[in-house]
N, C-alpha and C. Protein backbone atom coordinates (compact mmCIF):
# COMPACT_ATOMS: atom_id res chain seq x y z
N MET A 1 0.79 -1.14 0.07
CA MET A 1 0.15 0.13 0.07
C MET A 1 0.58 1.17 -0.09
N ILE A 2 1.45 1.45 0.73
CA ILE A 2 2.74 2.41 0.90
C ILE A 2 3.46 2.48 -0.29
N ALA A 3 4.05 1.34 -1.00
CA ALA A 3 4.64 1.71 -2.45
C ALA A 3 3.55 2.44 -3.59
N ILE A 4 2.04 2.34 -3.51
CA ILE A 4 1.15 2.83 -4.09
C ILE A 4 0.87 4.09 -3.88
N ILE A 5 1.16 4.54 -2.83
CA ILE A 5 0.89 5.82 -2.38
C ILE A 5 2.08 6.75 -3.00
N LEU A 6 3.27 5.90 -2.48
CA LEU A 6 4.56 6.90 -2.92
C LEU A 6 4.68 6.81 -4.69
N LEU A 7 4.30 5.82 -5.31
CA LEU A 7 3.91 6.28 -6.68
C LEU A 7 2.78 7.31 -7.12
N ILE A 8 2.02 7.00 -6.81
CA ILE A 8 1.15 7.97 -6.85
C ILE A 8 1.30 9.60 -6.79
N ALA A 9 2.55 9.44 -5.44
CA ALA A 9 2.68 10.57 -5.22
C ALA A 9 4.09 11.39 -5.96
N THR A 10 4.87 10.16 -6.50
CA THR A 10 6.18 10.52 -7.23
C THR A 10 5.28 10.95 -8.74
N TYR A 11 4.22 10.66 -9.13
CA TYR A 11 3.37 10.54 -10.75
C TYR A 11 3.14 12.48 -10.44
N TYR A 12 2.49 12.68 -9.30
CA TYR A 12 2.55 14.31 -8.92
C TYR A 12 3.57 15.02 -9.42
N LEU A 13 4.37 14.63 -8.37
CA LEU A 13 5.94 15.26 -8.25
C LEU A 13 6.37 15.46 -9.59
N GLU A 14 6.35 14.36 -10.75
CA GLU A 14 7.27 14.61 -11.84
C GLU A 14 6.27 15.53 -12.70
N TYR A 15 5.25 15.81 -12.46
CA TYR A 15 4.65 16.78 -13.13
C TYR A 15 5.16 18.46 -12.36
N TYR A 16 5.28 18.36 -11.42
CA TYR A 16 5.88 19.85 -10.87
C TYR A 16 7.42 19.75 -10.86
N VAL A 17 8.06 19.06 -10.56
CA VAL A 17 9.50 18.95 -10.68
C VAL A 17 10.33 19.20 -12.22
N GLY A 18 9.69 18.06 -12.96
CA GLY A 18 9.73 17.51 -14.23
C GLY A 18 11.43 17.20 -14.84
N LEU A 19 11.65 16.49 -14.36
CA LEU A 19 13.52 15.87 -14.46
C LEU A 19 13.21 15.68 -15.59
N SER A 20 14.44 14.77 -16.27
CA SER A 20 14.41 14.84 -17.31
C SER A 20 14.52 13.18 -17.76
N GLU A 21 14.46 12.51 -18.80
CA GLU A 21 14.25 11.58 -19.02
C GLU A 21 15.64 10.70 -18.63
N ILE A 22 15.31 9.48 -18.86
CA ILE A 22 16.97 8.56 -18.56
C ILE A 22 16.93 8.06 -19.92
N PHE A 23 16.21 7.74 -20.44
CA PHE A 23 17.01 7.01 -22.20
C PHE A 23 16.34 8.03 -23.21
N THR A 24 16.71 8.43 -24.21
CA THR A 24 16.27 8.62 -25.01
C THR A 24 15.95 8.08 -26.51
N SER A 25 16.46 6.89 -26.11
CA SER A 25 15.74 5.88 -27.34
C SER A 25 14.58 4.51 -26.47
N ASP A 26 13.54 4.46 -27.31
CA ASP A 26 12.74 4.10 -26.67
C ASP A 26 13.11 2.14 -26.71
N LEU A 27 13.58 2.08 -27.41
CA LEU A 27 14.61 0.50 -28.16
C LEU A 27 15.34 0.19 -26.51
N ILE A 28 16.29 1.08 -26.08
CA ILE A 28 17.14 0.65 -24.70
C ILE A 28 16.05 0.84 -24.01
N ARG A 29 15.26 1.71 -23.63
CA ARG A 29 14.24 1.83 -22.57
C ARG A 29 13.35 0.66 -22.52
N ILE A 30 12.94 -0.12 -23.75
CA ILE A 30 11.79 -0.75 -23.63
C ILE A 30 12.53 -2.20 -23.60
N THR A 31 13.77 -2.79 -23.77
CA THR A 31 14.86 -3.48 -23.53
C THR A 31 15.29 -3.62 -22.32
N ALA A 32 15.38 -2.64 -21.82
CA ALA A 32 15.77 -2.83 -20.05
C ALA A 32 14.88 -3.59 -19.60
N PHE A 33 13.46 -2.48 -19.40
CA PHE A 33 11.77 -3.09 -19.04
C PHE A 33 11.62 -4.93 -19.02
N PHE A 34 11.94 -4.98 -20.25
CA PHE A 34 11.93 -6.37 -20.14
C PHE A 34 12.45 -7.25 -19.65
N SER A 35 13.93 -6.65 -19.94
CA SER A 35 14.93 -7.75 -19.32
C SER A 35 14.86 -7.60 -17.81
N LEU A 36 14.74 -6.80 -17.15
CA LEU A 36 14.67 -6.62 -15.48
C LEU A 36 13.21 -7.53 -15.40
N THR A 37 12.37 -7.41 -15.99
CA THR A 37 11.10 -7.91 -15.59
C THR A 37 11.09 -9.57 -15.64
N LEU A 38 11.72 -9.73 -16.68
CA LEU A 38 11.85 -11.41 -16.99
C LEU A 38 13.16 -11.79 -15.47
N LEU A 39 14.12 -11.20 -15.21
CA LEU A 39 15.26 -11.25 -14.40
C LEU A 39 13.98 -11.21 -12.83
N GLY A 40 13.19 -10.14 -12.92
CA GLY A 40 12.26 -10.45 -11.41
C GLY A 40 11.40 -11.23 -11.17
N ILE A 41 10.86 -11.79 -12.53
CA ILE A 41 9.84 -12.90 -12.59
C ILE A 41 10.72 -14.20 -12.40
N ALA A 42 11.87 -14.38 -12.87
CA ALA A 42 12.54 -15.74 -12.50
C ALA A 42 13.17 -15.38 -11.04
N VAL A 43 13.58 -14.52 -10.52
CA VAL A 43 13.83 -14.75 -8.83
C VAL A 43 12.55 -14.82 -8.25
N VAL A 44 11.57 -14.35 -8.65
CA VAL A 44 10.24 -14.75 -7.66
C VAL A 44 10.29 -16.22 -7.68
N VAL A 45 9.97 -16.75 -8.89
CA VAL A 45 9.92 -18.15 -8.81
C VAL A 45 10.82 -18.83 -8.46
N TRP A 46 12.10 -18.59 -8.54
CA TRP A 46 13.12 -19.38 -8.01
C TRP A 46 13.32 -19.42 -6.49
N SER A 47 12.47 -18.17 -5.83
CA SER A 47 12.67 -18.04 -4.39
C SER A 47 11.10 -18.87 -3.91
N ILE A 48 10.36 -18.90 -4.75
CA ILE A 48 9.33 -19.82 -4.58
C ILE A 48 9.76 -21.25 -4.64
N LYS A 49 10.57 -21.59 -5.31
CA LYS A 49 10.86 -22.93 -5.64
C LYS A 49 12.05 -23.49 -4.99
N SER A 50 12.90 -22.58 -4.22
CA SER A 50 13.90 -22.75 -3.03
C SER A 50 13.08 -23.33 -1.52
N LEU A 51 11.90 -22.48 -1.61
CA LEU A 51 10.85 -22.17 -0.18
C LEU A 51 9.62 -22.58 -0.29
N PRO A 52 9.20 -23.80 -1.28
CA PRO A 52 7.69 -24.12 -1.17
C PRO A 52 7.27 -23.61 -0.04
N PRO A 53 6.17 -22.66 -0.07
CA PRO A 53 4.81 -22.25 0.69
C PRO A 53 4.65 -23.48 1.90
N LYS A 54 4.39 -24.63 1.89
CA LYS A 54 4.13 -25.81 3.08
C LYS A 54 5.63 -25.86 3.78
N GLU A 55 6.99 -25.39 3.41
CA GLU A 55 7.86 -25.52 4.03
C GLU A 55 8.38 -24.19 4.81
N ARG A 56 7.77 -23.55 4.72
CA ARG A 56 8.30 -22.25 5.32
C ARG A 56 8.22 -22.17 7.08
N GLY A 57 8.86 -22.09 7.79
CA GLY A 57 9.00 -22.03 9.29
C GLY A 57 9.56 -22.84 10.02
N LYS A 58 9.73 -24.03 9.07
CA LYS A 58 9.91 -25.81 9.66
C LYS A 58 11.29 -25.65 9.72
N ARG A 59 12.23 -24.91 8.97
CA ARG A 59 13.61 -24.83 8.84
C ARG A 59 14.42 -23.78 8.26
N LEU A 60 15.33 -23.50 8.53
CA LEU A 60 16.14 -22.33 7.61
C LEU A 60 16.48 -22.73 6.39
N ILE A 61 16.15 -22.20 5.64
CA ILE A 61 16.69 -22.66 4.02
C ILE A 61 17.77 -21.56 3.99
N THR A 62 18.94 -21.79 3.50
CA THR A 62 19.87 -21.13 3.15
C THR A 62 20.83 -21.58 1.63
N THR A 63 19.93 -22.30 1.07
CA THR A 63 20.22 -22.52 -0.37
C THR A 63 19.44 -22.27 -1.26
N GLY A 64 19.85 -22.16 -2.43
CA GLY A 64 18.83 -21.62 -3.48
C GLY A 64 19.05 -20.19 -3.45
N ALA A 65 17.88 -19.38 -3.86
CA ALA A 65 17.68 -18.48 -4.16
C ALA A 65 18.17 -17.66 -2.62
N TYR A 66 18.07 -18.11 -1.55
CA TYR A 66 17.97 -17.77 -0.33
C TYR A 66 19.61 -18.31 0.13
N LYS A 67 20.27 -18.69 -0.67
CA LYS A 67 21.82 -18.63 -0.30
C LYS A 67 22.16 -16.55 -0.75
N TYR A 68 21.80 -16.04 -1.62
CA TYR A 68 22.13 -14.82 -2.13
C TYR A 68 21.09 -13.62 -1.51
N PHE A 69 19.72 -14.00 -1.41
CA PHE A 69 19.18 -12.91 -0.84
C PHE A 69 18.41 -13.70 0.47
N ARG A 70 18.09 -12.61 1.68
CA ARG A 70 17.18 -13.30 2.82
C ARG A 70 15.83 -13.19 2.42
N HIS A 71 15.63 -12.27 1.51
CA HIS A 71 13.96 -12.12 0.76
C HIS A 71 14.26 -12.37 -0.27
N PRO A 72 14.37 -13.26 -1.01
CA PRO A 72 14.41 -13.20 -2.61
C PRO A 72 13.01 -12.68 -3.11
N LEU A 73 11.63 -13.01 -2.62
CA LEU A 73 10.80 -12.65 -3.27
C LEU A 73 10.41 -11.45 -3.24
N TYR A 74 10.82 -10.36 -2.23
CA TYR A 74 10.82 -9.03 -2.24
C TYR A 74 11.72 -8.38 -3.15
N ALA A 75 13.07 -9.10 -3.24
CA ALA A 75 14.26 -8.79 -4.08
C ALA A 75 13.95 -8.58 -5.32
N GLY A 76 12.86 -9.47 -5.76
CA GLY A 76 12.59 -9.94 -6.92
C GLY A 76 11.79 -8.52 -7.75
N PHE A 77 10.94 -8.06 -6.96
CA PHE A 77 10.09 -6.96 -6.87
C PHE A 77 10.78 -5.97 -6.87
N LEU A 78 11.64 -5.59 -5.78
CA LEU A 78 12.83 -4.41 -5.75
C LEU A 78 13.48 -3.94 -6.45
N LEU A 79 14.54 -4.69 -6.68
CA LEU A 79 15.51 -4.87 -7.37
C LEU A 79 15.51 -4.80 -9.33
N PHE A 80 13.94 -5.76 -9.87
CA PHE A 80 14.18 -5.81 -10.96
C PHE A 80 12.71 -5.33 -11.11
N LEU A 81 11.58 -6.17 -11.02
CA LEU A 81 10.76 -5.15 -11.22
C LEU A 81 10.21 -3.78 -11.36
N ASN A 82 10.41 -3.18 -9.71
CA ASN A 82 10.28 -1.77 -9.71
C ASN A 82 10.76 -0.98 -10.80
N VAL A 83 12.39 -1.44 -9.97
CA VAL A 83 13.37 -0.66 -11.43
C VAL A 83 13.25 -0.25 -13.11
N GLY A 84 12.74 -1.90 -13.53
CA GLY A 84 12.24 -2.04 -14.27
C GLY A 84 10.94 -1.12 -15.20
N PHE A 85 10.17 -0.90 -13.84
CA PHE A 85 8.88 -0.34 -13.96
C PHE A 85 9.20 1.40 -14.03
N ALA A 86 10.26 1.60 -13.39
CA ALA A 86 10.50 3.03 -13.66
C ALA A 86 11.27 3.21 -14.64
N LEU A 87 12.00 2.57 -15.37
CA LEU A 87 12.82 2.43 -16.52
C LEU A 87 12.00 2.71 -17.52
N LEU A 88 10.53 1.83 -17.66
CA LEU A 88 9.72 2.10 -18.50
C LEU A 88 9.12 3.34 -18.86
N LEU A 89 8.61 3.69 -17.24
CA LEU A 89 8.37 5.53 -17.10
C LEU A 89 9.23 6.46 -17.58
N ASN A 90 10.64 6.12 -17.72
CA ASN A 90 11.75 6.68 -18.32
C ASN A 90 11.73 8.41 -17.65
N ASN A 91 11.84 8.50 -16.13
CA ASN A 91 12.11 9.52 -15.31
C ASN A 91 12.48 9.37 -14.78
N TRP A 92 13.81 9.82 -14.06
CA TRP A 92 14.37 10.17 -12.93
C TRP A 92 13.96 9.96 -11.68
N ILE A 93 12.82 10.77 -11.41
CA ILE A 93 11.96 10.46 -10.48
C ILE A 93 11.71 9.11 -10.25
N TYR A 94 10.56 8.74 -10.99
CA TYR A 94 10.37 7.11 -10.98
C TYR A 94 11.78 6.27 -10.52
N LEU A 95 12.64 6.67 -11.09
CA LEU A 95 13.86 5.29 -10.47
C LEU A 95 14.07 6.26 -8.90
N CYS A 96 13.97 7.00 -8.57
CA CYS A 96 14.08 7.72 -7.27
C CYS A 96 12.88 6.97 -5.99
N TRP A 97 11.99 7.07 -6.78
CA TRP A 97 10.71 6.00 -6.29
C TRP A 97 11.31 4.54 -5.93
N ALA A 98 11.93 3.88 -7.14
CA ALA A 98 12.31 2.57 -6.69
C ALA A 98 13.37 2.50 -5.83
N VAL A 99 13.92 3.30 -5.30
CA VAL A 99 14.99 3.26 -4.67
C VAL A 99 14.60 3.57 -3.36
N LEU A 100 13.85 4.66 -3.22
CA LEU A 100 12.89 4.93 -1.87
C LEU A 100 12.23 3.31 -1.27
N MET A 101 12.29 2.30 -2.41
CA MET A 101 11.42 1.22 -1.69
C MET A 101 12.13 0.32 -0.74
N PHE A 102 13.32 0.72 -0.91
CA PHE A 102 14.37 0.16 -0.43
C PHE A 102 14.23 0.09 1.37
N PRO A 103 14.36 1.10 1.77
CA PRO A 103 14.08 1.65 3.14
C PRO A 103 12.76 1.36 3.66
N VAL A 104 11.99 1.44 2.81
CA VAL A 104 10.35 1.24 3.13
C VAL A 104 10.18 -0.32 3.65
N TRP A 105 11.02 -0.85 2.55
CA TRP A 105 10.85 -2.52 2.58
C TRP A 105 11.87 -3.02 3.59
N SER A 106 12.98 -2.49 3.92
CA SER A 106 13.64 -2.70 4.97
C SER A 106 12.82 -2.81 6.22
N ILE A 107 12.00 -1.57 6.39
CA ILE A 107 11.18 -1.70 7.55
C ILE A 107 10.14 -2.62 8.22
N ASN A 108 9.36 -2.56 6.62
CA ASN A 108 8.52 -3.79 6.64
C ASN A 108 9.13 -5.05 7.07
N VAL A 109 9.54 -5.76 6.69
CA VAL A 109 10.49 -7.28 7.06
C VAL A 109 11.09 -7.07 8.66
N ARG A 110 11.22 -6.31 9.18
CA ARG A 110 11.94 -6.49 10.58
C ARG A 110 11.01 -7.07 11.13
N SER A 111 10.05 -7.26 11.61
CA SER A 111 9.25 -8.02 12.06
C SER A 111 9.22 -9.30 11.89
N GLU A 112 9.48 -9.31 10.44
CA GLU A 112 9.36 -11.04 9.86
C GLU A 112 10.98 -11.80 10.11
N GLU A 113 12.27 -10.61 10.16
CA GLU A 113 12.84 -11.20 10.82
C GLU A 113 13.37 -11.46 11.95
N LYS A 114 12.57 -10.38 12.80
CA LYS A 114 12.86 -10.47 14.46
C LYS A 114 11.92 -12.19 14.78
N LEU A 115 10.77 -12.41 14.36
CA LEU A 115 10.45 -13.91 14.38
C LEU A 115 11.32 -14.90 13.99
N MET A 116 12.09 -14.76 12.83
CA MET A 116 13.07 -15.84 12.60
C MET A 116 14.07 -16.11 13.33
N LYS A 117 14.28 -14.59 13.65
CA LYS A 117 15.34 -15.02 15.14
C LYS A 117 14.58 -15.66 15.80
N ASN A 118 13.58 -15.45 16.65
CA ASN A 118 13.04 -15.78 17.52
C ASN A 118 12.84 -17.82 17.44
N VAL A 119 12.82 -18.22 15.89
CA VAL A 119 12.49 -19.06 16.17
C VAL A 119 13.78 -20.14 15.86
N PHE A 120 14.68 -19.56 14.94
CA PHE A 120 16.07 -20.26 14.82
C PHE A 120 17.38 -20.02 15.49
N GLY A 121 17.15 -18.37 15.77
CA GLY A 121 18.17 -18.16 16.87
C GLY A 121 19.10 -17.88 16.28
N GLU A 122 20.78 -18.37 17.05
CA GLU A 122 21.98 -17.84 16.46
C GLU A 122 22.30 -18.95 14.89
N GLU A 123 21.51 -19.40 14.56
CA GLU A 123 22.00 -20.10 13.19
C GLU A 123 21.42 -18.94 12.09
N TYR A 124 20.28 -18.32 12.56
CA TYR A 124 19.58 -17.36 11.65
C TYR A 124 20.44 -15.96 11.66
N ASP A 125 21.36 -15.61 12.61
CA ASP A 125 21.89 -14.35 13.25
C ASP A 125 23.13 -14.36 12.14
N ALA A 126 24.09 -15.67 12.22
CA ALA A 126 24.86 -16.33 11.08
C ALA A 126 24.55 -15.93 9.99
N TYR A 127 23.49 -16.58 9.33
CA TYR A 127 22.67 -16.22 8.19
C TYR A 127 22.52 -14.96 7.75
N CYS A 128 22.12 -14.08 8.47
CA CYS A 128 22.10 -12.28 8.38
C CYS A 128 23.26 -11.92 8.21
N ARG A 129 24.31 -12.18 8.81
CA ARG A 129 25.57 -11.49 8.59
C ARG A 129 26.41 -12.13 7.25
N GLN A 130 26.11 -13.32 6.52
CA GLN A 130 26.55 -13.44 5.01
C GLN A 130 25.39 -12.78 4.16
N THR A 131 24.65 -12.74 4.71
CA THR A 131 23.15 -12.43 3.41
C THR A 131 22.56 -11.36 3.47
N TRP A 132 22.57 -10.48 2.39
CA TRP A 132 21.72 -9.28 2.91
C TRP A 132 20.34 -9.51 2.14
N ARG A 133 19.52 -8.60 3.13
CA ARG A 133 18.33 -8.70 2.80
C ARG A 133 17.38 -8.74 1.04
N PHE A 134 18.24 -7.94 0.35
CA PHE A 134 17.21 -7.61 -0.77
C PHE A 134 18.17 -7.49 -2.13
N VAL A 135 19.73 -7.39 -1.58
CA VAL A 135 20.55 -7.01 -2.95
C VAL A 135 21.67 -8.13 -2.73
N PRO A 136 22.09 -8.90 -3.69
CA PRO A 136 22.77 -10.31 -3.60
C PRO A 136 24.09 -9.93 -3.11
N LYS A 137 24.25 -10.76 -2.07
CA LYS A 137 25.99 -10.34 -1.43
C LYS A 137 26.77 -11.82 -2.21
N LEU A 138 27.53 -11.13 -3.58
CA LEU A 138 28.45 -12.05 -4.51
C LEU A 138 29.25 -12.24 -3.97
N TRP A 139 29.94 -11.90 -2.70
CA TRP A 139 31.47 -12.53 -2.28
C TRP A 139 30.95 -12.31 -1.09
N GLN A 140 32.02 -13.04 -0.50
CA GLN A 140 31.89 -13.59 0.96
C GLN A 140 33.16 -13.21 1.66
């Protein structure tokens, strides 16, 4: 809900601020949008396959998509779909909106992470130290 409210506010802000376009070529803009959308869908599907809904809360999963993201489902939306949508809209203000979604969602997942810590304890703490929330930590 917060994301939609911020998107609407961004739409009105674009009208008043009038920042420039990101791309001058529609081909590059549309290619970036479709590439990021496909990547986002792939990450979402990968996260569901890595942790089927029936398995949630039973054991700590640190493989598959969860090896790279603590919240791969959200990462698929934040990193790829939101940024792709911002690029499709082709204005810097929408890219700012996409970046603003990271702290908003970081606040949203704190209760979920607190629950995981209560259930899995030190094992979850160790997992958090080596895996970032929404951006893949590609180096160890």
